[in-house]
């Protein structure tokens, strides 16, 4: 197994875990309606909006502890 194969498997596992986390979120209906409205206004999918918001929040939390701004590709596609 090459490093590329290992990286691909890790990316797939992270994607599946993230998909599961999004599907299992317990969000109040009013909040979800607001998220849906924001996604429609920005012409993005609800999944991408929530994913970006969660990853941005994770980045901020990690940056607080390390005092270093992490670079993630999702920063290029901020929606709000």
C-alpha atoms as a PDB file:
ATOM      1  CA  UNK A   1       0.000   0.000   0.000  1.00  0.00           C
ATOM      2  CA  UNK A   2       1.441   3.363  -1.030  1.00  0.00           C
ATOM      3  CA  UNK A   3       1.353   6.603   0.936  1.00  0.00           C
ATOM      4  CA  UNK A   4      -1.232   7.872  -1.529  1.00  0.00           C
ATOM      5  CA  UNK A   5      -3.483   4.916  -0.732  1.00  0.00           C
ATOM      6  CA  UNK A   6      -3.100   5.533   2.998  1.00  0.00           C
ATOM      7  CA  UNK A   7      -3.869   9.241   2.545  1.00  0.00           C
ATOM      8  CA  UNK A   8      -6.890   8.442   0.403  1.00  0.00           C
ATOM      9  CA  UNK A   9      -8.211   6.015   3.013  1.00  0.00           C
ATOM     10  CA  UNK A  10      -7.721   8.582   5.801  1.00  0.00           C
ATOM     11  CA  UNK A  11      -9.531  11.250   3.760  1.00  0.00           C
ATOM     12  CA  UNK A  12     -12.398   8.854   3.117  1.00  0.00           C
ATOM     13  CA  UNK A  13     -12.646   7.938   6.818  1.00  0.00           C
ATOM     14  CA  UNK A  14     -12.641  11.617   7.841  1.00  0.00           C
ATOM     15  CA  UNK A  15     -15.300  12.358   5.261  1.00  0.00           C
ATOM     16  CA  UNK A  16     -17.478   9.505   6.517  1.00  0.00           C
ATOM     17  CA  UNK A  17     -17.061  10.554  10.164  1.00  0.00           C
ATOM     18  CA  UNK A  18     -17.923  14.138   9.286  1.00  0.00           C
ATOM     19  CA  UNK A  19     -20.968  13.048   7.279  1.00  0.00           C
ATOM     20  CA  UNK A  20     -22.106  10.967  10.254  1.00  0.00           C
ATOM     21  CA  UNK A  21     -21.579  13.899  12.648  1.00  0.00           C
ATOM     22  CA  UNK A  22     -23.646  16.210  10.460  1.00  0.00           C
ATOM     23  CA  UNK A  23     -26.424  13.627  10.192  1.00  0.00           C
ATOM     24  CA  UNK A  24     -26.476  13.106  13.980  1.00  0.00           C
ATOM     25  CA  UNK A  25     -26.529  16.770  15.015  1.00  0.00           C
ATOM     26  CA  UNK A  26     -29.406  17.643  17.316  1.00  0.00           C
ATOM     27  CA  UNK A  27     -30.465  21.080  16.098  1.00  0.00           C
ATOM     28  CA  UNK A  28     -33.681  22.864  16.990  1.00  0.00           C
ATOM     29  CA  UNK A  29     -36.088  23.238  14.030  1.00  0.00           C
ATOM     30  CA  UNK A  30     -35.965  27.042  14.196  1.00  0.00           C
ATOM     31  CA  UNK A  31     -32.182  27.001  14.026  1.00  0.00           C
ATOM     32  CA  UNK A  32     -32.242  24.555  11.129  1.00  0.00           C
ATOM     33  CA  UNK A  33     -34.692  26.781   9.262  1.00  0.00           C
ATOM     34  CA  UNK A  34     -32.296  29.705   9.728  1.00  0.00           C
ATOM     35  CA  UNK A  35     -29.395  27.613   8.412  1.00  0.00           C
ATOM     36  CA  UNK A  36     -31.497  26.581   5.407  1.00  0.00           C
ATOM     37  CA  UNK A  37     -32.355  30.222   4.681  1.00  0.00           C
ATOM     38  CA  UNK A  38     -28.686  31.266   4.866  1.00  0.00           C
ATOM     39  CA  UNK A  39     -27.712  28.393   2.569  1.00  0.00           C
ATOM     40  CA  UNK A  40     -30.378  29.410   0.032  1.00  0.00           C
ATOM     41  CA  UNK A  41     -29.357  33.072   0.169  1.00  0.00           C
ATOM     42  CA  UNK A  42     -25.734  32.115  -0.506  1.00  0.00           C
ATOM     43  CA  UNK A  43     -26.670  29.498  -3.119  1.00  0.00           C
ATOM     44  CA  UNK A  44     -24.781  26.692  -1.359  1.00  0.00           C
ATOM     45  CA  UNK A  45     -25.934  23.328  -0.128  1.00  0.00           C
ATOM     46  CA  UNK A  46     -26.978  23.051   3.495  1.00  0.00           C
ATOM     47  CA  UNK A  47     -24.389  20.316   4.000  1.00  0.00           C
ATOM     48  CA  UNK A  48     -21.568  22.529   2.706  1.00  0.00           C
ATOM     49  CA  UNK A  49     -22.714  25.449   4.844  1.00  0.00           C
ATOM     50  CA  UNK A  50     -22.829  23.372   8.041  1.00  0.00           C
ATOM     51  CA  UNK A  51     -19.564  21.654   7.199  1.00  0.00           C
ATOM     52  CA  UNK A  52     -17.822  24.979   6.663  1.00  0.00           C
ATOM     53  CA  UNK A  53     -19.241  26.438   9.870  1.00  0.00           C
ATOM     54  CA  UNK A  54     -18.151  23.409  11.887  1.00  0.00           C
ATOM     55  CA  UNK A  55     -14.667  23.350  10.378  1.00  0.00           C
ATOM     56  CA  UNK A  56     -14.240  27.090  10.976  1.00  0.00           C
ATOM     57  CA  UNK A  57     -15.285  26.646  14.605  1.00  0.00           C
ATOM     58  CA  UNK A  58     -12.862  23.747  14.980  1.00  0.00           C
ATOM     59  CA  UNK A  59     -10.071  25.832  13.461  1.00  0.00           C
ATOM     60  CA  UNK A  60     -10.764  28.694  15.887  1.00  0.00           C
ATOM     61  CA  UNK A  61     -10.738  26.341  18.874  1.00  0.00           C
ATOM     62  CA  UNK A  62      -7.498  24.693  17.782  1.00  0.00           C
ATOM     63  CA  UNK A  63      -5.920  28.077  17.077  1.00  0.00           C
ATOM     64  CA  UNK A  64      -6.736  29.268  20.599  1.00  0.00           C
ATOM     65  CA  UNK A  65      -4.806  26.393  22.110  1.00  0.00           C
ATOM     66  CA  UNK A  66      -1.830  26.549  19.764  1.00  0.00           C
ATOM     67  CA  UNK A  67      -1.864  30.303  19.136  1.00  0.00           C
ATOM     68  CA  UNK A  68      -1.282  29.452  15.473  1.00  0.00           C
ATOM     69  CA  UNK A  69      -3.667  29.951  12.570  1.00  0.00           C
ATOM     70  CA  UNK A  70      -4.100  26.656  10.773  1.00  0.00           C
ATOM     71  CA  UNK A  71      -4.436  26.571   7.005  1.00  0.00           C
ATOM     72  CA  UNK A  72      -7.375  24.612   5.635  1.00  0.00           C
ATOM     73  CA  UNK A  73      -8.741  24.702   2.109  1.00  0.00           C
ATOM     74  CA  UNK A  74     -12.272  25.342   3.388  1.00  0.00           C
ATOM     75  CA  UNK A  75     -11.273  28.911   4.356  1.00  0.00           C
ATOM     76  CA  UNK A  76     -11.418  29.791   0.666  1.00  0.00           C
ATOM     77  CA  UNK A  77     -15.111  28.944   0.579  1.00  0.00           C
ATOM     78  CA  UNK A  78     -16.415  30.782   3.642  1.00  0.00           C
ATOM     79  CA  UNK A  79     -20.110  31.461   3.385  1.00  0.00           C
ATOM     80  CA  UNK A  80     -20.765  33.749   6.289  1.00  0.00           C
END
